[in-house]
Amino acid sequence: MDGAAPDAVIVTGAGRGIGRAAALAMAEQGVPVLCISRSASAHATADVIRERASRADSLAVDLANHAQVESEVASWIAARPYRRLGVVLAAAELGPAGPLA
């Protein structure tokens, strides 16, 4: 990796706590953020980011549902020009090791 900044960051657990703080911090740096949590709190975090004139999207998905997460994140990625993605795993979910999308 050449140390270049990501085009966007995907943050799990973005609805509250460390995940929310990470999503807000990334947005303050001008990085578009995909906020993910299993509740609508991901949408609330994305709303705050957009109110601050930054770019954000959100998905309310349960990380325990690996097929749904893979499908929705892959669709999100495919619909955007971002190619260098950062990932902040701040959700308290442990699952099988493997690619995110």
PDB file of N, CA and C in Angstrom:
ATOM      1  N   MET A   1       0.846  -1.175   0.000  1.00  0.00           N
ATOM      2  CA  MET A   1       0.000   0.000   0.000  1.00  0.00           C
ATOM      3  C   MET A   1       0.890   1.235   0.000  1.00  0.00           C
ATOM      4  N   ASP A   2       0.479   2.247  -0.712  1.00  0.00           N
ATOM      5  CA  ASP A   2       1.312   3.428  -0.871  1.00  0.00           C
ATOM      6  C   ASP A   2       1.033   4.524   0.152  1.00  0.00           C
ATOM      7  N   GLY A   3       0.136   4.295   1.108  1.00  0.00           N
ATOM      8  CA  GLY A   3      -0.153   5.275   2.136  1.00  0.00           C
ATOM      9  C   GLY A   3      -1.147   6.343   1.734  1.00  0.00           C
ATOM     10  N   ALA A   4      -1.703   6.239   0.534  1.00  0.00           N
ATOM     11  CA  ALA A   4      -2.693   7.222   0.089  1.00  0.00           C
ATOM     12  C   ALA A   4      -3.974   7.080   0.906  1.00  0.00           C
ATOM     13  N   ALA A   5      -4.667   8.182   1.056  1.00  0.00           N
ATOM     14  CA  ALA A   5      -5.928   8.183   1.808  1.00  0.00           C
ATOM     15  C   ALA A   5      -6.997   7.399   1.048  1.00  0.00           C
ATOM     16  N   PRO A   6      -7.932   6.808   1.771  1.00  0.00           N
ATOM     17  CA  PRO A   6      -9.015   6.082   1.099  1.00  0.00           C
ATOM     18  C   PRO A   6      -9.981   7.035   0.406  1.00  0.00           C
ATOM     19  N   ASP A   7     -10.660   6.513  -0.616  1.00  0.00           N
ATOM     20  CA  ASP A   7     -11.710   7.281  -1.291  1.00  0.00           C
ATOM     21  C   ASP A   7     -12.944   7.383  -0.406  1.00  0.00           C
ATOM     22  N   ALA A   8     -13.175   6.369   0.418  1.00  0.00           N
ATOM     23  CA  ALA A   8     -14.320   6.313   1.331  1.00  0.00           C
ATOM     24  C   ALA A   8     -13.985   5.327   2.434  1.00  0.00           C
ATOM     25  N   VAL A   9     -14.741   5.417   3.525  1.00  0.00           N
ATOM     26  CA  VAL A   9     -14.537   4.525   4.661  1.00  0.00           C
ATOM     27  C   VAL A   9     -15.867   3.878   5.029  1.00  0.00           C
ATOM     28  N   ILE A  10     -15.818   2.579   5.274  1.00  0.00           N
ATOM     29  CA  ILE A  10     -16.972   1.827   5.759  1.00  0.00           C
ATOM     30  C   ILE A  10     -16.758   1.632   7.258  1.00  0.00           C
ATOM     31  N   VAL A  11     -17.742   2.053   8.056  1.00  0.00           N
ATOM     32  CA  VAL A  11     -17.633   1.952   9.507  1.00  0.00           C
ATOM     33  C   VAL A  11     -18.762   1.095  10.043  1.00  0.00           C
ATOM     34  N   THR A  12     -18.417  -0.044  10.647  1.00  0.00           N
ATOM     35  CA  THR A  12     -19.427  -0.853  11.315  1.00  0.00           C
ATOM     36  C   THR A  12     -19.591  -0.345  12.742  1.00  0.00           C
ATOM     37  N   GLY A  13     -20.755  -0.572  13.306  1.00  0.00           N
ATOM     38  CA  GLY A  13     -21.018  -0.069  14.650  1.00  0.00           C
ATOM     39  C   GLY A  13     -21.122   1.441  14.673  1.00  0.00           C
ATOM     40  N   ALA A  14     -21.496   2.038  13.542  1.00  0.00           N
ATOM     41  CA  ALA A  14     -21.495   3.498  13.401  1.00  0.00           C
ATOM     42  C   ALA A  14     -22.669   4.175  14.095  1.00  0.00           C
ATOM     43  N   GLY A  15     -23.536   3.419  14.688  1.00  0.00           N
ATOM     44  CA  GLY A  15     -24.705   4.010  15.332  1.00  0.00           C
ATOM     45  C   GLY A  15     -24.438   4.638  16.681  1.00  0.00           C
ATOM     46  N   ARG A  16     -23.381   4.165  17.346  1.00  0.00           N
ATOM     47  CA  ARG A  16     -23.089   4.719  18.668  1.00  0.00           C
ATOM     48  C   ARG A  16     -21.655   4.399  19.066  1.00  0.00           C
ATOM     49  N   GLY A  17     -21.238   4.960  20.168  1.00  0.00           N
ATOM     50  CA  GLY A  17     -19.940   4.649  20.748  1.00  0.00           C
ATOM     51  C   GLY A  17     -18.760   4.937  19.833  1.00  0.00           C
ATOM     52  N   ILE A  18     -17.799   4.012  19.862  1.00  0.00           N
ATOM     53  CA  ILE A  18     -16.559   4.177  19.110  1.00  0.00           C
ATOM     54  C   ILE A  18     -16.826   4.242  17.606  1.00  0.00           C
ATOM     55  N   GLY A  19     -17.749   3.421  17.119  1.00  0.00           N
ATOM     56  CA  GLY A  19     -18.053   3.436  15.689  1.00  0.00           C
ATOM     57  C   GLY A  19     -18.596   4.773  15.237  1.00  0.00           C
ATOM     58  N   ARG A  20     -19.509   5.338  16.014  1.00  0.00           N
ATOM     59  CA  ARG A  20     -20.063   6.661  15.681  1.00  0.00           C
ATOM     60  C   ARG A  20     -18.960   7.711  15.694  1.00  0.00           C
ATOM     61  N   ALA A  21     -18.112   7.673  16.728  1.00  0.00           N
ATOM     62  CA  ALA A  21     -17.016   8.639  16.831  1.00  0.00           C
ATOM     63  C   ALA A  21     -16.060   8.502  15.640  1.00  0.00           C
ATOM     64  N   ALA A  22     -15.774   7.268  15.226  1.00  0.00           N
ATOM     65  CA  ALA A  22     -14.891   7.045  14.085  1.00  0.00           C
ATOM     66  C   ALA A  22     -15.518   7.580  12.798  1.00  0.00           C
ATOM     67  N   ALA A  23     -16.806   7.321  12.610  1.00  0.00           N
ATOM     68  CA  ALA A  23     -17.497   7.808  11.409  1.00  0.00           C
ATOM     69  C   ALA A  23     -17.476   9.331  11.352  1.00  0.00           C
ATOM     70  N   LEU A  24     -17.762   9.972  12.472  1.00  0.00           N
ATOM     71  CA  LEU A  24     -17.750  11.436  12.516  1.00  0.00           C
ATOM     72  C   LEU A  24     -16.350  11.991  12.268  1.00  0.00           C
ATOM     73  N   ALA A  25     -15.340  11.340  12.833  1.00  0.00           N
ATOM     74  CA  ALA A  25     -13.955  11.799  12.647  1.00  0.00           C
ATOM     75  C   ALA A  25     -13.521  11.663  11.189  1.00  0.00           C
ATOM     76  N   MET A  26     -13.881  10.556  10.554  1.00  0.00           N
ATOM     77  CA  MET A  26     -13.535  10.372   9.138  1.00  0.00           C
ATOM     78  C   MET A  26     -14.204  11.453   8.287  1.00  0.00           C
ATOM     79  N   ALA A  27     -15.471  11.711   8.570  1.00  0.00           N
ATOM     80  CA  ALA A  27     -16.208  12.720   7.812  1.00  0.00           C
ATOM     81  C   ALA A  27     -15.587  14.104   7.992  1.00  0.00           C
ATOM     82  N   GLU A  28     -15.112  14.405   9.199  1.00  0.00           N
ATOM     83  CA  GLU A  28     -14.463  15.694   9.447  1.00  0.00           C
ATOM     84  C   GLU A  28     -13.206  15.867   8.607  1.00  0.00           C
ATOM     85  N   GLN A  29     -12.607  14.761   8.205  1.00  0.00           N
ATOM     86  CA  GLN A  29     -11.420  14.794   7.350  1.00  0.00           C
ATOM     87  C   GLN A  29     -11.785  14.858   5.875  1.00  0.00           C
ATOM     88  N   GLY A  30     -13.093  14.909   5.593  1.00  0.00           N
ATOM     89  CA  GLY A  30     -13.554  15.013   4.211  1.00  0.00           C
ATOM     90  C   GLY A  30     -13.711  13.684   3.497  1.00  0.00           C
ATOM     91  N   VAL A  31     -13.673  12.593   4.234  1.00  0.00           N
ATOM     92  CA  VAL A  31     -13.793  11.267   3.641  1.00  0.00           C
ATOM     93  C   VAL A  31     -15.260  10.841   3.656  1.00  0.00           C
ATOM     94  N   PRO A  32     -15.822  10.438   2.521  1.00  0.00           N
ATOM     95  CA  PRO A  32     -17.184   9.912   2.511  1.00  0.00           C
ATOM     96  C   PRO A  32     -17.258   8.644   3.383  1.00  0.00           C
ATOM     97  N   VAL A  33     -18.381   8.489   4.076  1.00  0.00           N
ATOM     98  CA  VAL A  33     -18.515   7.389   5.037  1.00  0.00           C
ATOM     99  C   VAL A  33     -19.775   6.576   4.750  1.00  0.00           C
ATOM    100  N   LEU A  34     -19.644   5.259   4.815  1.00  0.00           N
ATOM    101  CA  LEU A  34     -20.799   4.366   4.844  1.00  0.00           C
ATOM    102  C   LEU A  34     -20.950   3.923   6.281  1.00  0.00           C
ATOM    103  N   CYS A  35     -22.022   4.356   6.922  1.00  0.00           N
ATOM    104  CA  CYS A  35     -22.306   4.021   8.315  1.00  0.00           C
ATOM    105  C   CYS A  35     -23.147   2.749   8.352  1.00  0.00           C
ATOM    106  N   ILE A  36     -22.683   1.759   9.101  1.00  0.00           N
ATOM    107  CA  ILE A  36     -23.408   0.506   9.225  1.00  0.00           C
ATOM    108  C   ILE A  36     -23.675   0.219  10.696  1.00  0.00           C
ATOM    109  N   SER A  37     -24.915  -0.129  10.997  1.00  0.00           N
ATOM    110  CA  SER A  37     -25.273  -0.686  12.309  1.00  0.00           C
ATOM    111  C   SER A  37     -26.516  -1.538  12.110  1.00  0.00           C
ATOM    112  N   ARG A  38     -26.858  -2.315  13.121  1.00  0.00           N
ATOM    113  CA  ARG A  38     -28.028  -3.178  12.941  1.00  0.00           C
ATOM    114  C   ARG A  38     -29.330  -2.447  13.212  1.00  0.00           C
ATOM    115  N   SER A  39     -29.236  -1.211  13.640  1.00  0.00           N
ATOM    116  CA  SER A  39     -30.447  -0.429  13.898  1.00  0.00           C
ATOM    117  C   SER A  39     -30.434   0.850  13.070  1.00  0.00           C
ATOM    118  N   ALA A  40     -31.518   1.590  13.174  1.00  0.00           N
ATOM    119  CA  ALA A  40     -31.641   2.855  12.444  1.00  0.00           C
ATOM    120  C   ALA A  40     -30.658   3.910  12.940  1.00  0.00           C
ATOM    121  N   SER A  41     -29.927   3.626  13.990  1.00  0.00           N
ATOM    122  CA  SER A  41     -28.952   4.599  14.483  1.00  0.00           C
ATOM    123  C   SER A  41     -27.867   4.893  13.443  1.00  0.00           C
ATOM    124  N   ALA A  42     -27.628   3.966  12.523  1.00  0.00           N
ATOM    125  CA  ALA A  42     -26.688   4.237  11.427  1.00  0.00           C
ATOM    126  C   ALA A  42     -27.194   5.389  10.576  1.00  0.00           C
ATOM    127  N   HIS A  43     -28.495   5.429  10.351  1.00  0.00           N
ATOM    128  CA  HIS A  43     -29.089   6.514   9.567  1.00  0.00           C
ATOM    129  C   HIS A  43     -28.935   7.847  10.291  1.00  0.00           C
ATOM    130  N   ALA A  44     -29.092   7.822  11.609  1.00  0.00           N
ATOM    131  CA  ALA A  44     -28.955   9.055  12.393  1.00  0.00           C
ATOM    132  C   ALA A  44     -27.525   9.588  12.311  1.00  0.00           C
ATOM    133  N   THR A  45     -26.542   8.702  12.384  1.00  0.00           N
ATOM    134  CA  THR A  45     -25.150   9.142  12.261  1.00  0.00           C
ATOM    135  C   THR A  45     -24.891   9.734  10.877  1.00  0.00           C
ATOM    136  N   ALA A  46     -25.385   9.078   9.843  1.00  0.00           N
ATOM    137  CA  ALA A  46     -25.218   9.599   8.480  1.00  0.00           C
ATOM    138  C   ALA A  46     -25.904  10.953   8.328  1.00  0.00           C
ATOM    139  N   ASP A  47     -27.071  11.119   8.952  1.00  0.00           N
ATOM    140  CA  ASP A  47     -27.770  12.410   8.902  1.00  0.00           C
ATOM    141  C   ASP A  47     -26.909  13.518   9.511  1.00  0.00           C
ATOM    142  N   VAL A  48     -26.275  13.237  10.658  1.00  0.00           N
ATOM    143  CA  VAL A  48     -25.408  14.230  11.298  1.00  0.00           C
ATOM    144  C   VAL A  48     -24.253  14.595  10.373  1.00  0.00           C
ATOM    145  N   ILE A  49     -23.666  13.597   9.756  1.00  0.00           N
ATOM    146  CA  ILE A  49     -22.543  13.856   8.833  1.00  0.00           C
ATOM    147  C   ILE A  49     -22.997  14.736   7.680  1.00  0.00           C
ATOM    148  N   ARG A  50     -24.147  14.417   7.098  1.00  0.00           N
ATOM    149  CA  ARG A  50     -24.651  15.227   5.973  1.00  0.00           C
ATOM    150  C   ARG A  50     -25.005  16.645   6.419  1.00  0.00           C
ATOM    151  N   GLU A  51     -25.525  16.805   7.642  1.00  0.00           N
ATOM    152  CA  GLU A  51     -25.825  18.143   8.164  1.00  0.00           C
ATOM    153  C   GLU A  51     -24.559  18.987   8.265  1.00  0.00           C
ATOM    154  N   ARG A  52     -23.441  18.327   8.441  1.00  0.00           N
ATOM    155  CA  ARG A  52     -22.150  19.019   8.534  1.00  0.00           C
ATOM    156  C   ARG A  52     -21.491  19.179   7.163  1.00  0.00           C
ATOM    157  N   ALA A  53     -22.266  18.965   6.114  1.00  0.00           N
ATOM    158  CA  ALA A  53     -21.831  19.160   4.721  1.00  0.00           C
ATOM    159  C   ALA A  53     -20.790  18.142   4.264  1.00  0.00           C
ATOM    160  N   SER A  54     -20.844  16.962   4.830  1.00  0.00           N
ATOM    161  CA  SER A  54     -19.984  15.880   4.368  1.00  0.00           C
ATOM    162  C   SER A  54     -20.846  14.805   3.729  1.00  0.00           C
ATOM    163  N   ARG A  55     -20.208  13.860   3.064  1.00  0.00           N
ATOM    164  CA  ARG A  55     -20.940  12.805   2.365  1.00  0.00           C
ATOM    165  C   ARG A  55     -21.038  11.555   3.234  1.00  0.00           C
ATOM    166  N   ALA A  56     -22.255  10.998   3.284  1.00  0.00           N
ATOM    167  CA  ALA A  56     -22.456   9.779   4.061  1.00  0.00           C
ATOM    168  C   ALA A  56     -23.665   9.015   3.541  1.00  0.00           C
ATOM    169  N   ASP A  57     -23.577   7.712   3.644  1.00  0.00           N
ATOM    170  CA  ASP A  57     -24.684   6.805   3.380  1.00  0.00           C
ATOM    171  C   ASP A  57     -24.800   5.908   4.594  1.00  0.00           C
ATOM    172  N   SER A  58     -25.880   5.145   4.661  1.00  0.00           N
ATOM    173  CA  SER A  58     -26.046   4.252   5.801  1.00  0.00           C
ATOM    174  C   SER A  58     -26.770   2.984   5.400  1.00  0.00           C
ATOM    175  N   LEU A  59     -26.464   1.932   6.131  1.00  0.00           N
ATOM    176  CA  LEU A  59     -27.150   0.654   5.995  1.00  0.00           C
ATOM    177  C   LEU A  59     -27.490   0.152   7.389  1.00  0.00           C
ATOM    178  N   ALA A  60     -28.732  -0.232   7.580  1.00  0.00           N
ATOM    179  CA  ALA A  60     -29.142  -0.874   8.828  1.00  0.00           C
ATOM    180  C   ALA A  60     -29.202  -2.372   8.556  1.00  0.00           C
ATOM    181  N   VAL A  61     -28.118  -3.065   8.877  1.00  0.00           N
ATOM    182  CA  VAL A  61     -28.031  -4.509   8.672  1.00  0.00           C
ATOM    183  C   VAL A  61     -27.373  -5.153   9.884  1.00  0.00           C
ATOM    184  N   ASP A  62     -27.769  -6.368  10.155  1.00  0.00           N
ATOM    185  CA  ASP A  62     -27.186  -7.128  11.252  1.00  0.00           C
ATOM    186  C   ASP A  62     -25.965  -7.861  10.711  1.00  0.00           C
ATOM    187  N   LEU A  63     -24.795  -7.576  11.244  1.00  0.00           N
ATOM    188  CA  LEU A  63     -23.575  -8.195  10.750  1.00  0.00           C
ATOM    189  C   LEU A  63     -23.581  -9.710  10.905  1.00  0.00           C
ATOM    190  N   ALA A  64     -24.449 -10.234  11.728  1.00  0.00           N
ATOM    191  CA  ALA A  64     -24.564 -11.685  11.870  1.00  0.00           C
ATOM    192  C   ALA A  64     -25.176 -12.312  10.620  1.00  0.00           C
ATOM    193  N   ASN A  65     -25.859 -11.517   9.811  1.00  0.00           N
ATOM    194  CA  ASN A  65     -26.437 -11.997   8.559  1.00  0.00           C
ATOM    195  C   ASN A  65     -25.428 -11.726   7.445  1.00  0.00           C
ATOM    196  N   HIS A  66     -24.443 -12.612   7.344  1.00  0.00           N
ATOM    197  CA  HIS A  66     -23.313 -12.389   6.447  1.00  0.00           C
ATOM    198  C   HIS A  66     -23.729 -12.234   4.987  1.00  0.00           C
ATOM    199  N   ALA A  67     -24.705 -13.012   4.543  1.00  0.00           N
ATOM    200  CA  ALA A  67     -25.138 -12.927   3.142  1.00  0.00           C
ATOM    201  C   ALA A  67     -25.740 -11.562   2.844  1.00  0.00           C
ATOM    202  N   GLN A  68     -26.569 -11.046   3.755  1.00  0.00           N
ATOM    203  CA  GLN A  68     -27.181  -9.737   3.544  1.00  0.00           C
ATOM    204  C   GLN A  68     -26.118  -8.638   3.548  1.00  0.00           C
ATOM    205  N   VAL A  69     -25.193  -8.701   4.485  1.00  0.00           N
ATOM    206  CA  VAL A  69     -24.140  -7.684   4.555  1.00  0.00           C
ATOM    207  C   VAL A  69     -23.300  -7.704   3.285  1.00  0.00           C
ATOM    208  N   GLU A  70     -22.895  -8.895   2.859  1.00  0.00           N
ATOM    209  CA  GLU A  70     -22.087  -8.999   1.646  1.00  0.00           C
ATOM    210  C   GLU A  70     -22.827  -8.424   0.446  1.00  0.00           C
ATOM    211  N   SER A  71     -24.093  -8.754   0.318  1.00  0.00           N
ATOM    212  CA  SER A  71     -24.889  -8.278  -0.811  1.00  0.00           C
ATOM    213  C   SER A  71     -25.061  -6.763  -0.786  1.00  0.00           C
ATOM    214  N   GLU A  72     -25.447  -6.222   0.368  1.00  0.00           N
ATOM    215  CA  GLU A  72     -25.721  -4.778   0.444  1.00  0.00           C
ATOM    216  C   GLU A  72     -24.454  -3.938   0.325  1.00  0.00           C
ATOM    217  N   VAL A  73     -23.366  -4.379   0.943  1.00  0.00           N
ATOM    218  CA  VAL A  73     -22.120  -3.620   0.835  1.00  0.00           C
ATOM    219  C   VAL A  73     -21.576  -3.709  -0.594  1.00  0.00           C
ATOM    220  N   ALA A  74     -21.654  -4.875  -1.202  1.00  0.00           N
ATOM    221  CA  ALA A  74     -21.197  -5.018  -2.592  1.00  0.00           C
ATOM    222  C   ALA A  74     -22.008  -4.122  -3.525  1.00  0.00           C
ATOM    223  N   SER A  75     -23.314  -4.038  -3.305  1.00  0.00           N
ATOM    224  CA  SER A  75     -24.159  -3.160  -4.128  1.00  0.00           C
ATOM    225  C   SER A  75     -23.776  -1.702  -3.922  1.00  0.00           C
ATOM    226  N   TRP A  76     -23.522  -1.325  -2.671  1.00  0.00           N
ATOM    227  CA  TRP A  76     -23.115   0.050  -2.368  1.00  0.00           C
ATOM    228  C   TRP A  76     -21.810   0.384  -3.088  1.00  0.00           C
ATOM    229  N   ILE A  77     -20.838  -0.525  -3.009  1.00  0.00           N
ATOM    230  CA  ILE A  77     -19.541  -0.305  -3.651  1.00  0.00           C
ATOM    231  C   ILE A  77     -19.703  -0.201  -5.165  1.00  0.00           C
ATOM    232  N   ALA A  78     -20.482  -1.095  -5.739  1.00  0.00           N
ATOM    233  CA  ALA A  78     -20.646  -1.132  -7.204  1.00  0.00           C
ATOM    234  C   ALA A  78     -21.303   0.130  -7.747  1.00  0.00           C
ATOM    235  N   ALA A  79     -22.108   0.795  -6.934  1.00  0.00           N
ATOM    236  CA  ALA A  79     -22.843   1.972  -7.387  1.00  0.00           C
ATOM    237  C   ALA A  79     -22.058   3.277  -7.216  1.00  0.00           C
ATOM    238  N   ARG A  80     -20.809   3.164  -6.751  1.00  0.00           N
ATOM    239  CA  ARG A  80     -20.017   4.362  -6.495  1.00  0.00           C
ATOM    240  C   ARG A  80     -18.655   4.280  -7.170  1.00  0.00           C
ATOM    241  N   PRO A  81     -18.020   5.427  -7.361  1.00  0.00           N
ATOM    242  CA  PRO A  81     -16.720   5.425  -8.046  1.00  0.00           C
ATOM    243  C   PRO A  81     -15.549   5.084  -7.118  1.00  0.00           C
ATOM    244  N   TYR A  82     -15.808   4.848  -5.840  1.00  0.00           N
ATOM    245  CA  TYR A  82     -14.733   4.610  -4.877  1.00  0.00           C
ATOM    246  C   TYR A  82     -14.021   3.299  -5.170  1.00  0.00           C
ATOM    247  N   ARG A  83     -12.705   3.328  -5.166  1.00  0.00           N
ATOM    248  CA  ARG A  83     -11.930   2.111  -5.400  1.00  0.00           C
ATOM    249  C   ARG A  83     -10.970   1.812  -4.257  1.00  0.00           C
ATOM    250  N   ARG A  84     -10.604   2.814  -3.490  1.00  0.00           N
ATOM    251  CA  ARG A  84      -9.710   2.618  -2.343  1.00  0.00           C
ATOM    252  C   ARG A  84     -10.562   2.829  -1.091  1.00  0.00           C
ATOM    253  N   LEU A  85     -10.910   1.719  -0.435  1.00  0.00           N
ATOM    254  CA  LEU A  85     -11.809   1.784   0.713  1.00  0.00           C
ATOM    255  C   LEU A  85     -11.073   1.485   2.006  1.00  0.00           C
ATOM    256  N   GLY A  86     -11.394   2.267   3.026  1.00  0.00           N
ATOM    257  CA  GLY A  86     -10.925   1.970   4.370  1.00  0.00           C
ATOM    258  C   GLY A  86     -12.069   1.307   5.126  1.00  0.00           C
ATOM    259  N   VAL A  87     -11.746   0.521   6.112  1.00  0.00           N
ATOM    260  CA  VAL A  87     -12.766  -0.161   6.906  1.00  0.00           C
ATOM    261  C   VAL A  87     -12.428   0.000   8.377  1.00  0.00           C
ATOM    262  N   VAL A  88     -13.409   0.453   9.160  1.00  0.00           N
ATOM    263  CA  VAL A  88     -13.280   0.532  10.606  1.00  0.00           C
ATOM    264  C   VAL A  88     -14.286  -0.455  11.183  1.00  0.00           C
ATOM    265  N   LEU A  89     -13.778  -1.505  11.819  1.00  0.00           N
ATOM    266  CA  LEU A  89     -14.640  -2.539  12.394  1.00  0.00           C
ATOM    267  C   LEU A  89     -14.827  -2.245  13.876  1.00  0.00           C
ATOM    268  N   ALA A  90     -15.882  -1.488  14.182  1.00  0.00           N
ATOM    269  CA  ALA A  90     -16.135  -1.084  15.558  1.00  0.00           C
ATOM    270  C   ALA A  90     -17.358  -1.771  16.149  1.00  0.00           C
ATOM    271  N   ALA A  91     -17.962  -2.689  15.408  1.00  0.00           N
ATOM    272  CA  ALA A  91     -19.116  -3.429  15.913  1.00  0.00           C
ATOM    273  C   ALA A  91     -18.624  -4.629  16.718  1.00  0.00           C
ATOM    274  N   ALA A  92     -19.418  -5.034  17.662  1.00  0.00           N
ATOM    275  CA  ALA A  92     -19.056  -6.166  18.517  1.00  0.00           C
ATOM    276  C   ALA A  92     -19.570  -7.472  17.920  1.00  0.00           C
ATOM    277  N   GLU A  93     -19.212  -7.737  16.688  1.00  0.00           N
ATOM    278  CA  GLU A  93     -19.649  -8.951  15.993  1.00  0.00           C
ATOM    279  C   GLU A  93     -18.430  -9.697  15.502  1.00  0.00           C
ATOM    280  N   LEU A  94     -18.337 -10.937  15.869  1.00  0.00           N
ATOM    281  CA  LEU A  94     -17.287 -11.788  15.340  1.00  0.00           C
ATOM    282  C   LEU A  94     -17.916 -12.796  14.417  1.00  0.00           C
ATOM    283  N   GLY A  95     -17.367 -12.948  13.256  1.00  0.00           N
ATOM    284  CA  GLY A  95     -17.918 -13.878  12.286  1.00  0.00           C
ATOM    285  C   GLY A  95     -16.792 -14.605  11.589  1.00  0.00           C
ATOM    286  N   PRO A  96     -17.105 -15.271  10.503  1.00  0.00           N
ATOM    287  CA  PRO A  96     -16.076 -16.008   9.779  1.00  0.00           C
ATOM    288  C   PRO A  96     -15.069 -15.058   9.143  1.00  0.00           C
ATOM    289  N   ALA A  97     -13.834 -15.493   9.096  1.00  0.00           N
ATOM    290  CA  ALA A  97     -12.803 -14.694   8.449  1.00  0.00           C
ATOM    291  C   ALA A  97     -13.014 -14.755   6.941  1.00  0.00           C
ATOM    292  N   GLY A  98     -12.759 -13.650   6.275  1.00  0.00           N
ATOM    293  CA  GLY A  98     -12.900 -13.631   4.824  1.00  0.00           C
ATOM    294  C   GLY A  98     -13.087 -12.216   4.337  1.00  0.00           C
ATOM    295  N   PRO A  99     -13.222 -12.062   3.032  1.00  0.00           N
ATOM    296  CA  PRO A  99     -13.379 -10.722   2.454  1.00  0.00           C
ATOM    297  C   PRO A  99     -14.709 -10.088   2.848  1.00  0.00           C
ATOM    298  N   LEU A 100     -14.686  -8.765   3.007  1.00  0.00           N
ATOM    299  CA  LEU A 100     -15.902  -8.030   3.357  1.00  0.00           C
ATOM    300  C   LEU A 100     -16.866  -7.995   2.192  1.00  0.00           C
ATOM    301  N   ALA A 101     -16.359  -7.790   1.001  1.00  0.00           N
ATOM    302  CA  ALA A 101     -17.245  -7.737  -0.176  1.00  0.00           C
ATOM    303  C   ALA A 101     -16.559  -8.383  -1.356  1.00  0.00           C
TER     304      ALA A 101
END
